[in-house]
Amino acid sequence: MKTFTQVRHYLDWQRIEQRQGSYTFSPSHEGGWDYDALYQRCKAEGIEVLADIKTLPNWMLDTYPADQRDNENVPVKYGSDISNPVSYVEQARLGFQFAARYGSNGNVNASLLNVNQSQRWTGDGINTVKQGTALVNYIECENERDKWWKGRKAYQSAYEYAANLSAFYDGHKNTMGPGVGVKNADPNMQVVMAGLASPNTDYLRAMVDWCKLHRGYRVDGSINLCWDVINYHLYSNDAKSSQGGNATRGMAPEVGETAQVAQEFIATAHQYAADMPVWVTELGYDVNQGSYLKAIPIGDKSALQTQADWILRSALLYAREGVDRIFFYQAYDDNPTSSIQFGSSGLLNADRTRKPAADYLYQAQKLLGDYVYKQTLQKDPIVDRYEFNGQSAYALVVPDEKGRSVNYTLNLGSADSASVYSPKIGSDQMALKKVKLSEGELPLTVTETPIFVIPLETKVGDFAANTMFAASSDAGRVDTTQVNIINSTLKVYPNPATDYINVSFNNKQTGLVTIKVTDARTGRIHLSESFNKTSEEFTQRINLNSVPFGVCLVEIVQGNVRTVKQVIKPI
């Protein structure tokens, strides 16, 4: 598991509340797991935990008629009004107990905490009350509550799930009594909404509407939402249906609807949820060729190798689009011989070694784990620029599923050499090739397996103007004279800026000019506007009202030339 920087832990409710109102964690009386030890080890290894509490415990399931018992039912006792937050009080009490133990608040009222201190047999561990262990920062309330395939007993509408979350989040604004709701145990613990099986922003917007009606607004005027992270699931396939429809195989992430859906969720978060983080907690591909989510052999690559390509490319795509976290489904295969979806989607082998996809992720994390996406310089092949402490790194890939390759020249400015890294199956490290450059140009053959480039011996001063440019072999060389003219005449002012900036420069080239404003830390695009330059002089005012406070990057694109200026928007 040290391959990964984070783990989404499916935690069945029954494991920690085998008997109603009596909680066991270390050890669990259902299965014997020691969750204290598990989370302590994850923290020691630097692995972030998302605890996904889901399914019904047996004592709640027993309230249902025998023919309606499914542990994925709506998490209430039989006959409850699933539109009323109060109906979810048992689950909200569980959220309180979990957050009190594993959250960061060491001042929880101990009289509200309860563990089953009975010893099951001689030598068995005994549960003790703990609080504020600071082992878990994120908790997910259930999983895929829009599960239409389970029928009405398990499906929740957006309004019903929002009511569920309101209880789980803070005891429906602390109206359900003491010891209820995650935030009442630890205000710092982040509540993640259950990942949507159908990645549709309509469901999310309806949840927001419920909060307007039943939770109102905060003092700052924002809607009093009852979750901290937006979450959805997407499995890219040839029917563009994620987990439904008539798909026949998986599809490369850039070819499918992956980017479009991400953009829709991020736009919705911006419009309705104050730029709340967006996560994708399920994505991936099967290897079994009977599955409708399979990765396919391409050219001389096996399905396992294609899975590795598509997994790594998915990670790069979501970084590019501004999604904050992703979790691949899943760690181990359910049944690699089965054609049922997800049966062969594991990233680790049964003997605990890494599959090629996990090799690629492990190597990429070691190489670029501290880097942050900044901008995309080219779309085919895709050329992304990342940055860490002023050092740039580049990720290049052909966004296809045909075995296509492209000759491309990456211009690295004043660098006199570069390190080129290629993922390597069965290794802890990528294959490395150091290349001497001629006038900063690096010729590359880019394929459907990503490669990474880090320039060497770059003069820091050459990045003062933050000018980035690249040329593909079929598009000709960049006019470096034109780049210098833009830099010498470019003005972006005022800086710092509160409401707007002016962008102006002077050159002989006419045509389309695109101006983008992105977050300097996350790379998220806040606005992008295009203008037609009809004369030598170009001046345009850009409204910054939609841009949050902090440091942003203003990118000016004219033809193959890209110039970036840093602007501060003070509080």
Protein backbone atom coordinates (compact mmCIF):
# COMPACT_ATOMS: atom_id res chain seq x y z
CA MET A 1 0.00 0.00 0.00
CA LYS A 2 3.05 2.30 0.28
CA THR A 3 2.75 2.59 -3.50
CA PHE A 4 -0.05 5.10 -2.88
CA THR A 5 -0.20 8.45 -1.13
CA GLN A 6 -3.82 7.99 -0.05
CA VAL A 7 -6.30 5.20 0.58
CA ARG A 8 -10.09 5.19 0.48
CA HIS A 9 -11.05 2.75 3.20
CA TYR A 10 -14.41 1.03 2.78
CA LEU A 11 -15.58 0.66 6.38
CA ASP A 12 -18.82 -1.24 6.88
CA TRP A 13 -20.94 0.21 9.69
CA GLN A 14 -21.38 -3.27 11.16
CA ARG A 15 -17.63 -3.47 11.86
CA ILE A 16 -17.69 -0.74 14.50
CA GLU A 17 -21.27 -0.90 15.80
CA GLN A 18 -22.09 -4.59 15.96
CA ARG A 19 -24.57 -3.83 18.73
CA GLN A 20 -26.56 -0.60 18.65
CA GLY A 21 -24.94 2.12 20.72
CA SER A 22 -21.90 -0.02 21.54
CA TYR A 23 -18.80 0.80 19.48
CA THR A 24 -15.61 -1.20 18.90
CA PHE A 25 -12.51 0.03 17.09
CA SER A 26 -9.43 -1.66 18.49
CA PRO A 27 -10.22 -4.48 18.08
CA SER A 28 -13.45 -4.51 16.12
CA HIS A 29 -15.84 -7.15 17.44
CA GLU A 30 -16.93 -7.83 13.88
CA GLY A 31 -13.94 -9.23 12.04
CA GLY A 32 -11.27 -8.46 14.61
CA TRP A 33 -9.68 -5.53 12.78
CA ASP A 34 -7.57 -3.03 14.73
CA TYR A 35 -8.47 0.30 13.16
CA ASP A 36 -6.26 2.26 15.56
CA ALA A 37 -3.22 0.32 14.33
CA LEU A 38 -4.29 0.56 10.69
CA TYR A 39 -4.70 4.34 10.77
CA GLN A 40 -1.55 4.84 12.87
CA ARG A 41 0.49 2.93 10.31
CA CYS A 42 -1.01 4.92 7.43
CA LYS A 43 -0.14 8.19 9.14
CA ALA A 44 3.41 6.99 9.84
CA GLU A 45 3.84 6.11 6.16
CA GLY A 46 2.44 9.44 4.97
CA ILE A 47 -0.73 7.85 3.56
CA GLU A 48 -3.85 10.02 3.79
CA VAL A 49 -6.98 8.08 4.78
CA LEU A 50 -10.48 8.71 3.47
CA ALA A 51 -12.74 6.61 5.71
CA ASP A 52 -15.90 5.71 3.78
CA ILE A 53 -18.52 4.55 6.28
CA LYS A 54 -21.19 2.63 4.42
CA THR A 55 -23.84 -0.14 4.48
CA LEU A 56 -26.33 -1.00 7.22
CA PRO A 57 -25.46 -2.88 10.42
CA ASN A 58 -27.36 -6.09 11.05
CA TRP A 59 -29.41 -4.66 13.92
CA MET A 60 -30.80 -2.00 11.56
CA LEU A 61 -31.23 -4.42 8.68
CA ASP A 62 -33.30 -6.70 10.92
CA THR A 63 -36.01 -4.00 11.07
CA TYR A 64 -36.76 -4.67 7.37
CA PRO A 65 -39.01 -7.41 6.00
CA ALA A 66 -36.95 -10.46 5.07
CA ASP A 67 -37.43 -9.90 1.34
CA GLN A 68 -36.17 -6.28 1.52
CA ARG A 69 -32.95 -6.79 3.44
CA ASP A 70 -29.99 -5.42 1.53
CA ASN A 71 -27.06 -3.92 3.41
CA GLU A 72 -26.94 -1.13 0.82
CA ASN A 73 -30.44 0.10 1.70
CA VAL A 74 -30.97 3.74 2.66
CA PRO A 75 -29.28 3.96 6.11
CA VAL A 76 -32.40 4.26 8.27
CA LYS A 77 -34.66 1.90 10.18
CA TYR A 78 -37.50 0.41 8.17
CA GLY A 79 -40.51 2.70 7.76
CA SER A 80 -38.59 5.92 8.47
CA ASP A 81 -39.19 9.10 6.50
CA ILE A 82 -36.05 9.25 4.37
CA SER A 83 -36.64 12.94 3.58
CA ASN A 84 -36.30 13.90 7.26
CA PRO A 85 -32.78 14.41 8.71
CA VAL A 86 -33.94 13.02 12.08
CA SER A 87 -34.39 9.59 10.48
CA TYR A 88 -30.61 9.34 10.06
CA VAL A 89 -29.79 9.92 13.74
CA GLU A 90 -28.20 6.49 14.28
CA GLN A 91 -25.72 7.01 11.46
CA ALA A 92 -25.06 10.57 12.65
CA ARG A 93 -24.21 9.23 16.13
CA LEU A 94 -21.76 6.83 14.53
CA GLY A 95 -20.17 9.77 12.66
CA PHE A 96 -19.75 11.60 15.98
CA GLN A 97 -18.06 8.62 17.66
CA PHE A 98 -15.69 8.06 14.73
CA ALA A 99 -14.74 11.74 14.42
CA ALA A 100 -14.23 12.08 18.17
CA ARG A 101 -11.78 9.18 18.19
CA TYR A 102 -9.85 9.74 14.95
CA GLY A 103 -10.24 13.49 14.46
CA SER A 104 -8.05 16.28 15.83
CA ASN A 105 -10.25 17.60 18.66
CA GLY A 106 -8.88 16.48 22.02
CA ASN A 107 -11.58 18.28 24.01
CA VAL A 108 -14.64 16.17 23.20
CA ASN A 109 -16.90 15.60 26.21
CA ALA A 110 -15.83 12.13 27.32
CA SER A 111 -19.26 11.39 28.77
CA LEU A 112 -20.60 11.30 25.19
CA LEU A 113 -18.15 8.60 24.09
CA ASN A 114 -18.97 4.92 24.35
CA VAL A 115 -17.05 1.74 23.58
CA ASN A 116 -17.87 -1.89 24.28
CA GLN A 117 -15.32 -2.86 26.93
CA SER A 118 -16.25 -6.53 27.07
CA GLN A 119 -13.53 -9.11 26.43
CA ARG A 120 -14.61 -11.80 23.99
CA TRP A 121 -12.05 -14.38 25.12
CA THR A 122 -8.96 -14.60 27.30
CA GLY A 123 -6.19 -12.50 25.81
CA ASP A 124 -8.56 -10.56 23.55
CA GLY A 125 -7.93 -6.82 23.37
CA ILE A 126 -10.25 -4.51 25.27
CA ASN A 127 -11.61 -1.33 23.69
CA THR A 128 -10.92 1.91 25.52
CA VAL A 129 -12.25 5.42 24.96
CA LYS A 130 -9.88 7.63 22.95
CA GLN A 131 -10.30 11.10 21.52
CA GLY A 132 -8.38 13.46 19.29
CA THR A 133 -5.89 10.92 17.93
CA ALA A 134 -5.62 13.02 14.72
CA LEU A 135 -5.32 9.97 12.47
CA VAL A 136 -8.10 10.68 9.95
CA ASN A 137 -8.89 13.99 8.26
CA TYR A 138 -11.61 12.91 5.82
CA ILE A 139 -14.82 10.93 6.25
CA GLU A 140 -17.20 9.96 3.44
CA CYS A 141 -20.88 9.49 4.19
CA GLU A 142 -21.97 6.33 2.37
CA ASN A 143 -21.24 5.37 -1.24
CA GLU A 144 -23.17 5.98 -4.48
CA ARG A 145 -26.46 6.94 -2.90
CA ASP A 146 -27.86 7.45 -6.41
CA LYS A 147 -27.73 3.66 -6.94
CA TRP A 148 -30.73 3.40 -9.26
CA TRP A 149 -30.04 -0.28 -9.99
CA LYS A 150 -30.96 -1.30 -6.42
CA GLY A 151 -34.51 0.02 -6.53
CA ARG A 152 -36.29 2.43 -4.21
CA LYS A 153 -35.17 0.74 -1.00
CA ALA A 154 -31.56 1.72 -1.71
CA TYR A 155 -31.89 4.82 -3.92
CA GLN A 156 -31.91 8.33 -2.47
CA SER A 157 -32.96 11.40 -4.40
CA ALA A 158 -30.73 14.44 -4.13
CA TYR A 159 -33.06 15.99 -1.56
CA GLU A 160 -33.12 12.78 0.51
CA TYR A 161 -29.36 12.39 0.47
CA ALA A 162 -28.90 16.06 1.41
CA ALA A 163 -31.15 15.42 4.43
CA ASN A 164 -28.98 12.39 5.26
CA LEU A 165 -25.83 14.52 5.02
CA SER A 166 -27.31 17.29 7.13
CA ALA A 167 -27.75 14.86 10.02
CA PHE A 168 -24.33 13.26 9.51
CA TYR A 169 -22.52 16.59 9.10
CA ASP A 170 -23.59 18.50 12.20
CA GLY A 171 -26.79 16.91 13.53
CA HIS A 172 -28.86 19.06 11.17
CA LYS A 173 -27.36 22.31 12.43
CA ASN A 174 -26.97 20.85 15.93
CA THR A 175 -30.72 20.35 16.44
CA MET A 176 -30.62 16.58 17.05
CA GLY A 177 -29.15 16.54 20.54
CA PRO A 178 -25.65 15.92 21.95
CA GLY A 179 -23.30 13.35 20.47
CA VAL A 180 -24.70 13.66 16.94
CA GLY A 181 -22.83 14.68 13.78
CA VAL A 182 -19.21 14.72 12.66
CA LYS A 183 -18.64 18.47 13.07
CA ASN A 184 -19.92 18.42 16.65
CA ALA A 185 -17.06 16.04 17.50
CA ASP A 186 -14.37 17.61 15.32
CA PRO A 187 -15.04 20.84 13.40
CA ASN A 188 -11.83 20.23 11.44
CA MET A 189 -12.78 16.85 9.99
CA GLN A 190 -13.79 17.18 6.35
CA VAL A 191 -17.04 15.49 5.29
CA VAL A 192 -16.92 14.10 1.76
CA MET A 193 -20.23 13.54 -0.01
CA ALA A 194 -20.79 10.01 -1.30
CA GLY A 195 -19.38 9.58 -4.78
CA LEU A 196 -22.08 9.81 -7.42
CA ALA A 197 -22.40 6.69 -9.56
CA SER A 198 -23.88 8.82 -12.32
CA PRO A 199 -21.55 11.82 -12.72
CA ASN A 200 -24.29 14.38 -13.29
CA THR A 201 -24.13 17.88 -11.82
CA ASP A 202 -27.96 18.07 -11.73
CA TYR A 203 -27.94 15.84 -8.63
CA LEU A 204 -25.35 18.09 -6.99
CA ARG A 205 -27.28 21.27 -7.77
CA ALA A 206 -30.44 19.74 -6.29
CA MET A 207 -28.49 19.00 -3.08
CA VAL A 208 -27.50 22.65 -2.98
CA ASP A 209 -31.15 23.67 -3.44
CA TRP A 210 -32.15 21.50 -0.46
CA CYS A 211 -29.57 23.27 1.67
CA LYS A 212 -30.93 26.67 0.64
CA LEU A 213 -34.39 25.60 1.76
CA HIS A 214 -33.54 23.72 4.95
CA ARG A 215 -30.16 25.04 6.13
CA GLY A 216 -30.21 28.62 4.85
CA TYR A 217 -27.13 30.81 4.60
CA ARG A 218 -24.00 31.43 6.64
CA VAL A 219 -23.00 34.81 8.06
CA ASP A 220 -20.76 35.48 5.07
CA GLY A 221 -23.71 35.01 2.70
CA SER A 222 -22.69 31.58 1.40
CA ILE A 223 -25.11 28.67 1.35
CA ASN A 224 -24.90 26.54 4.51
CA LEU A 225 -23.87 23.34 2.74
CA CYS A 226 -23.51 20.12 4.73
CA TRP A 227 -20.43 18.68 3.05
CA ASP A 228 -16.88 19.90 2.46
CA VAL A 229 -15.85 17.99 -0.65
CA ILE A 230 -17.75 17.29 -3.90
CA ASN A 231 -17.28 13.71 -5.06
CA TYR A 232 -18.20 11.67 -8.12
CA HIS A 233 -17.20 8.46 -9.91
CA LEU A 234 -16.36 8.05 -13.58
CA TYR A 235 -15.23 4.99 -15.52
CA SER A 236 -14.30 6.06 -19.04
CA ASN A 237 -15.84 3.77 -21.66
CA ASP A 238 -16.93 3.78 -25.30
CA ALA A 239 -20.58 4.48 -24.45
CA LYS A 240 -19.67 7.51 -22.30
CA SER A 241 -21.95 6.07 -19.65
CA SER A 242 -19.58 5.50 -16.69
CA GLN A 243 -21.39 2.55 -15.03
CA GLY A 244 -24.44 2.21 -17.28
CA GLY A 245 -25.47 2.10 -20.93
CA ASN A 246 -24.20 -0.28 -23.59
CA ALA A 247 -20.44 0.05 -23.32
CA THR A 248 -18.22 -2.65 -24.82
CA ARG A 249 -14.81 -1.53 -23.52
CA GLY A 250 -12.93 1.10 -21.61
CA MET A 251 -11.72 4.22 -23.39
CA ALA A 252 -8.58 6.30 -23.04
CA PRO A 253 -9.36 9.19 -20.66
CA GLU A 254 -8.64 11.98 -23.16
CA VAL A 255 -10.80 10.35 -25.86
CA GLY A 256 -13.85 9.92 -23.65
CA GLU A 257 -15.85 12.47 -21.66
CA THR A 258 -13.53 12.55 -18.65
CA ALA A 259 -12.27 16.11 -19.10
CA GLN A 260 -15.70 17.51 -19.97
CA VAL A 261 -17.32 16.03 -16.86
CA ALA A 262 -14.51 17.31 -14.66
CA GLN A 263 -14.96 20.79 -16.09
CA GLU A 264 -18.71 20.65 -15.43
CA PHE A 265 -18.22 19.70 -11.77
CA ILE A 266 -15.53 22.31 -11.21
CA ALA A 267 -17.73 24.98 -12.83
CA THR A 268 -20.64 23.92 -10.60
CA ALA A 269 -18.39 24.07 -7.53
CA HIS A 270 -17.34 27.57 -8.53
CA GLN A 271 -20.88 28.80 -9.16
CA TYR A 272 -22.72 27.20 -6.24
CA ALA A 273 -20.16 26.07 -3.65
CA ALA A 274 -17.45 28.73 -3.36
CA ASP A 275 -14.89 26.62 -5.26
CA MET A 276 -15.28 23.65 -2.95
CA PRO A 277 -12.70 20.91 -3.74
CA VAL A 278 -13.80 18.32 -6.31
CA TRP A 279 -12.67 14.70 -5.96
CA VAL A 280 -13.10 11.58 -8.06
CA THR A 281 -13.02 8.59 -5.71
CA GLU A 282 -13.58 5.84 -8.26
CA LEU A 283 -12.01 5.43 -11.69
CA GLY A 284 -10.05 2.71 -13.41
CA TYR A 285 -10.06 -0.12 -15.92
CA ASP A 286 -10.44 -3.90 -15.88
CA VAL A 287 -7.95 -6.22 -17.54
CA ASN A 288 -10.29 -9.18 -18.12
CA GLN A 289 -11.33 -8.91 -21.78
CA GLY A 290 -14.93 -9.87 -21.01
CA SER A 291 -15.55 -6.71 -18.98
CA TYR A 292 -17.24 -3.68 -20.53
CA LEU A 293 -14.68 -1.53 -18.67
CA LYS A 294 -11.64 -3.32 -20.03
CA ALA A 295 -8.37 -1.79 -21.13
CA ILE A 296 -7.56 -3.20 -24.56
CA PRO A 297 -4.31 -4.45 -26.09
CA ILE A 298 -2.94 -1.78 -28.45
CA GLY A 299 -0.23 -2.67 -30.96
CA ASP A 300 2.37 -4.70 -29.14
CA LYS A 301 1.07 -3.63 -25.72
CA SER A 302 -0.90 -6.06 -23.56
CA ALA A 303 -4.08 -5.06 -21.75
CA LEU A 304 -2.02 -4.70 -18.56
CA GLN A 305 0.30 -2.24 -20.29
CA THR A 306 -2.62 -0.25 -21.71
CA GLN A 307 -4.21 -0.20 -18.26
CA ALA A 308 -0.95 1.28 -16.97
CA ASP A 309 -0.93 3.95 -19.70
CA TRP A 310 -4.55 4.93 -19.13
CA ILE A 311 -4.24 4.99 -15.34
CA LEU A 312 -1.24 7.33 -15.43
CA ARG A 313 -2.83 9.47 -18.13
CA SER A 314 -5.99 9.74 -16.00
CA ALA A 315 -3.91 11.13 -13.14
CA LEU A 316 -2.35 13.70 -15.47
CA LEU A 317 -5.72 14.64 -16.96
CA TYR A 318 -7.35 15.32 -13.60
CA ALA A 319 -4.37 17.42 -12.50
CA ARG A 320 -4.75 19.36 -15.75
CA GLU A 321 -8.46 19.97 -15.17
CA GLY A 322 -8.11 21.06 -11.52
CA VAL A 323 -9.60 18.05 -9.69
CA ASP A 324 -8.00 18.02 -6.25
CA ARG A 325 -7.79 14.26 -5.51
CA ILE A 326 -8.47 11.00 -7.28
CA PHE A 327 -8.71 7.43 -5.97
CA PHE A 328 -8.35 4.50 -8.35
CA TYR A 329 -10.66 1.55 -7.91
CA GLN A 330 -9.22 -0.66 -6.60
CA ALA A 331 -6.21 -1.97 -4.67
CA TYR A 332 -6.65 -5.72 -5.36
CA ASP A 333 -8.71 -7.68 -7.88
CA ASP A 334 -12.06 -9.03 -6.68
CA ASN A 335 -11.77 -11.89 -9.16
CA PRO A 336 -9.42 -11.49 -12.14
CA THR A 337 -11.03 -14.46 -13.94
CA SER A 338 -14.46 -12.82 -13.86
CA SER A 339 -15.83 -10.68 -16.69
CA ILE A 340 -18.01 -8.71 -14.25
CA GLN A 341 -17.00 -5.07 -14.07
CA PHE A 342 -14.37 -4.19 -11.42
CA GLY A 343 -13.42 -7.86 -10.98
CA SER A 344 -9.99 -7.31 -12.55
CA SER A 345 -9.45 -3.59 -11.92
CA GLY A 346 -6.90 -4.05 -9.12
CA LEU A 347 -3.54 -2.27 -9.17
CA LEU A 348 -1.75 -4.83 -6.98
CA ASN A 349 -1.19 -8.55 -7.53
CA ALA A 350 -2.38 -11.22 -5.12
CA ASP A 351 1.22 -11.65 -3.88
CA ARG A 352 1.28 -7.93 -3.01
CA THR A 353 3.61 -6.93 -5.82
CA ARG A 354 2.72 -4.02 -8.10
CA LYS A 355 0.99 -4.38 -11.42
CA PRO A 356 2.38 -2.18 -14.25
CA ALA A 357 -0.20 0.53 -13.48
CA ALA A 358 0.99 0.72 -9.88
CA ASP A 359 4.61 0.79 -11.09
CA TYR A 360 3.79 3.83 -13.19
CA LEU A 361 2.01 5.64 -10.35
CA TYR A 362 4.78 4.86 -7.87
CA GLN A 363 7.48 6.10 -10.24
CA ALA A 364 5.57 9.27 -11.17
CA GLN A 365 4.99 10.08 -7.51
CA LYS A 366 8.69 9.68 -6.71
CA LEU A 367 9.68 11.89 -9.63
CA LEU A 368 7.00 14.61 -9.56
CA GLY A 369 5.21 14.24 -6.21
CA ASP A 370 6.02 17.80 -5.12
CA TYR A 371 5.32 19.43 -8.48
CA VAL A 372 2.12 21.36 -9.24
CA TYR A 373 0.45 21.60 -12.65
CA LYS A 374 0.80 25.06 -14.18
CA GLN A 375 -0.23 25.08 -17.83
CA THR A 376 -0.76 23.10 -21.01
CA LEU A 377 1.49 24.22 -23.84
CA GLN A 378 0.24 21.91 -26.57
CA LYS A 379 -2.80 19.67 -27.09
CA ASP A 380 -1.55 17.02 -29.56
CA PRO A 381 0.73 15.79 -28.28
CA ILE A 382 -0.30 17.06 -24.86
CA VAL A 383 2.53 19.01 -23.27
CA ASP A 384 1.89 19.97 -19.64
CA ARG A 385 4.20 22.10 -17.54
CA TYR A 386 4.56 21.48 -13.81
CA GLU A 387 6.55 23.50 -11.30
CA PHE A 388 8.22 23.10 -7.91
CA ASN A 389 10.35 25.80 -6.27
CA GLY A 390 10.80 27.56 -9.60
CA GLN A 391 11.89 24.38 -11.40
CA SER A 392 9.78 23.32 -14.38
CA ALA A 393 9.02 19.74 -15.40
CA TYR A 394 7.07 18.62 -18.45
CA ALA A 395 4.72 15.71 -19.09
CA LEU A 396 4.17 14.71 -22.72
CA VAL A 397 1.77 12.14 -24.16
CA VAL A 398 -0.19 11.40 -27.33
CA PRO A 399 -3.89 11.51 -26.32
CA ASP A 400 -5.03 8.52 -28.38
CA GLU A 401 -5.69 4.78 -28.26
CA LYS A 402 -4.30 3.73 -31.65
CA GLY A 403 -0.61 3.22 -30.88
CA ARG A 404 0.19 6.59 -32.47
CA SER A 405 3.49 8.42 -32.02
CA VAL A 406 4.45 12.03 -32.84
CA ASN A 407 7.83 13.71 -33.38
CA TYR A 408 7.95 16.86 -31.29
CA THR A 409 10.53 19.49 -30.36
CA LEU A 410 10.34 20.93 -26.86
CA ASN A 411 12.08 24.26 -26.45
CA LEU A 412 13.62 24.56 -22.98
CA GLY A 413 14.96 28.09 -23.31
CA SER A 414 18.44 28.49 -21.82
CA ALA A 415 18.79 24.90 -20.55
CA ASP A 416 21.82 23.16 -22.02
CA SER A 417 20.69 19.63 -21.17
CA ALA A 418 17.64 17.71 -19.97
CA SER A 419 16.68 14.50 -18.19
CA VAL A 420 14.06 12.45 -20.04
CA TYR A 421 12.18 9.89 -17.93
CA SER A 422 10.10 6.98 -19.23
CA PRO A 423 7.91 4.70 -17.04
CA LYS A 424 9.43 1.24 -16.63
CA ILE A 425 7.46 -1.88 -15.73
CA GLY A 426 8.82 -3.87 -12.80
CA SER A 427 11.04 -1.09 -11.51
CA ASP A 428 11.04 1.45 -8.68
CA GLN A 429 12.52 4.09 -10.98
CA MET A 430 11.70 5.39 -14.43
CA ALA A 431 14.21 4.80 -17.20
CA LEU A 432 16.44 7.88 -17.45
CA LYS A 433 18.16 9.38 -20.47
CA LYS A 434 20.19 12.58 -20.24
CA VAL A 435 20.31 14.62 -23.43
CA LYS A 436 22.54 17.53 -24.47
CA LEU A 437 20.54 20.34 -26.09
CA SER A 438 21.23 22.50 -29.10
CA GLU A 439 19.94 26.06 -28.55
CA GLY A 440 17.60 24.73 -25.87
CA GLU A 441 15.73 22.41 -28.25
CA LEU A 442 14.92 18.83 -27.30
CA PRO A 443 13.64 16.56 -30.12
CA LEU A 444 11.38 13.80 -28.78
CA THR A 445 9.28 10.91 -30.03
CA VAL A 446 6.08 11.11 -27.98
CA THR A 447 3.83 8.04 -27.68
CA GLU A 448 0.70 7.00 -25.81
CA THR A 449 2.85 6.23 -22.76
CA PRO A 450 3.65 9.51 -20.95
CA ILE A 451 7.23 10.71 -20.74
CA PHE A 452 8.62 13.37 -18.43
CA VAL A 453 11.30 15.99 -19.01
CA ILE A 454 13.21 18.05 -16.45
CA PRO A 455 15.55 20.72 -17.91
CA LEU A 456 18.99 21.09 -16.37
CA GLU A 457 21.32 24.04 -15.84
CA THR A 458 18.59 26.58 -16.50
CA LYS A 459 19.47 30.12 -15.49
CA VAL A 460 16.94 31.39 -12.97
CA GLY A 461 17.00 34.85 -14.51
CA ASP A 462 15.75 33.51 -17.81
CA PHE A 463 12.45 32.67 -16.10
CA ALA A 464 11.92 36.19 -14.76
CA ALA A 465 9.44 36.94 -17.52
CA ASN A 466 7.97 33.40 -17.20
CA THR A 467 8.03 32.98 -20.98
CA MET A 468 7.24 29.44 -22.14
CA PHE A 469 7.14 28.34 -25.74
CA ALA A 470 7.22 25.11 -27.72
CA ALA A 471 6.99 24.02 -31.34
CA SER A 472 5.95 20.69 -32.85
CA SER A 473 7.95 19.36 -35.76
CA ASP A 474 5.07 19.76 -38.18
CA ALA A 475 4.30 23.33 -37.10
CA GLY A 476 7.76 24.78 -37.66
CA ARG A 477 9.97 26.70 -35.26
CA VAL A 478 8.74 29.37 -32.90
CA ASP A 479 9.56 32.92 -33.97
CA THR A 480 11.85 33.83 -31.07
CA THR A 481 12.01 37.43 -32.29
CA GLN A 482 8.26 37.62 -31.80
CA VAL A 483 8.64 36.28 -28.24
CA ASN A 484 11.19 38.97 -27.40
CA ILE A 485 8.94 41.70 -28.82
CA ILE A 486 6.04 40.57 -26.63
CA ASN A 487 8.26 40.49 -23.53
CA SER A 488 9.77 43.91 -24.21
CA THR A 489 6.42 45.66 -24.70
CA LEU A 490 4.14 43.60 -22.47
CA LYS A 491 2.47 45.38 -19.56
CA VAL A 492 0.12 43.75 -17.04
CA TYR A 493 -1.12 46.35 -14.56
CA PRO A 494 -2.02 47.30 -11.90
CA ASN A 495 -0.13 44.74 -9.82
CA PRO A 496 -1.27 44.08 -7.11
CA ALA A 497 -4.77 44.23 -8.56
CA THR A 498 -8.18 44.01 -6.90
CA ASP A 499 -10.92 44.35 -9.50
CA TYR A 500 -9.22 44.21 -12.90
CA ILE A 501 -5.94 44.19 -14.82
CA ASN A 502 -4.95 45.73 -18.13
CA VAL A 503 -2.96 43.62 -20.58
CA SER A 504 -1.15 45.44 -23.36
CA PHE A 505 1.65 44.76 -25.82
CA ASN A 506 2.78 45.83 -29.28
CA ASN A 507 3.87 43.72 -32.27
CA LYS A 508 3.08 43.30 -35.96
CA GLN A 509 1.25 39.96 -35.63
CA THR A 510 -2.54 40.07 -35.81
CA GLY A 511 -5.14 37.41 -35.08
CA LEU A 512 -6.36 35.57 -32.00
CA VAL A 513 -5.01 36.43 -28.55
CA THR A 514 -6.12 34.29 -25.60
CA ILE A 515 -5.74 35.43 -21.99
CA LYS A 516 -6.11 32.94 -19.12
CA VAL A 517 -5.97 33.56 -15.38
CA THR A 518 -5.01 30.52 -13.29
CA ASP A 519 -4.33 29.81 -9.63
CA ALA A 520 -0.56 29.84 -9.10
CA ARG A 521 -0.77 27.07 -6.49
CA THR A 522 -3.24 24.60 -7.97
CA GLY A 523 -3.19 25.49 -11.66
CA ARG A 524 -6.99 25.81 -11.70
CA ILE A 525 -8.21 28.03 -14.54
CA HIS A 526 -10.40 30.85 -13.19
CA LEU A 527 -11.14 32.50 -16.54
CA SER A 528 -10.18 32.27 -20.19
CA GLU A 529 -11.06 34.88 -22.82
CA SER A 530 -10.10 35.27 -26.48
CA PHE A 531 -9.78 38.49 -28.48
CA ASN A 532 -9.09 39.40 -32.12
CA LYS A 533 -5.96 41.57 -32.45
CA THR A 534 -6.45 43.71 -35.58
CA SER A 535 -3.58 46.21 -35.25
CA GLU A 536 -0.05 46.44 -33.89
CA GLU A 537 -1.23 47.68 -30.51
CA PHE A 538 -3.23 45.39 -28.21
CA THR A 539 -4.87 46.49 -24.94
CA GLN A 540 -7.56 44.65 -23.03
CA ARG A 541 -9.08 45.01 -19.57
CA ILE A 542 -9.66 41.70 -17.71
CA ASN A 543 -12.21 41.57 -14.86
CA LEU A 544 -10.86 39.76 -11.79
CA ASN A 545 -14.10 39.57 -9.80
CA SER A 546 -14.30 35.78 -10.28
CA VAL A 547 -10.66 35.27 -9.27
CA PRO A 548 -10.03 34.46 -5.57
CA PHE A 549 -7.50 36.30 -3.44
CA GLY A 550 -3.88 35.23 -3.65
CA VAL A 551 -1.28 34.77 -6.36
CA CYS A 552 -2.51 34.10 -9.89
CA LEU A 553 -0.82 33.62 -13.24
CA VAL A 554 -1.91 35.64 -16.26
CA GLU A 555 -1.10 33.75 -19.46
CA ILE A 556 -1.10 35.54 -22.83
CA VAL A 557 -1.18 33.26 -25.88
CA GLN A 558 -0.58 34.51 -29.41
CA GLY A 559 -0.03 31.80 -32.00
CA ASN A 560 2.71 29.47 -30.70
CA VAL A 561 3.94 32.05 -28.17
CA ARG A 562 2.90 31.88 -24.53
CA THR A 563 3.93 34.46 -21.97
CA VAL A 564 3.01 34.31 -18.28
CA LYS A 565 3.00 37.09 -15.69
CA GLN A 566 2.42 36.72 -11.96
CA VAL A 567 -0.22 38.97 -10.40
CA ILE A 568 -1.19 39.35 -6.74
CA LYS A 569 -4.81 39.88 -5.75
CA PRO A 570 -4.61 41.10 -2.13
CA ILE A 571 -7.27 40.45 0.51
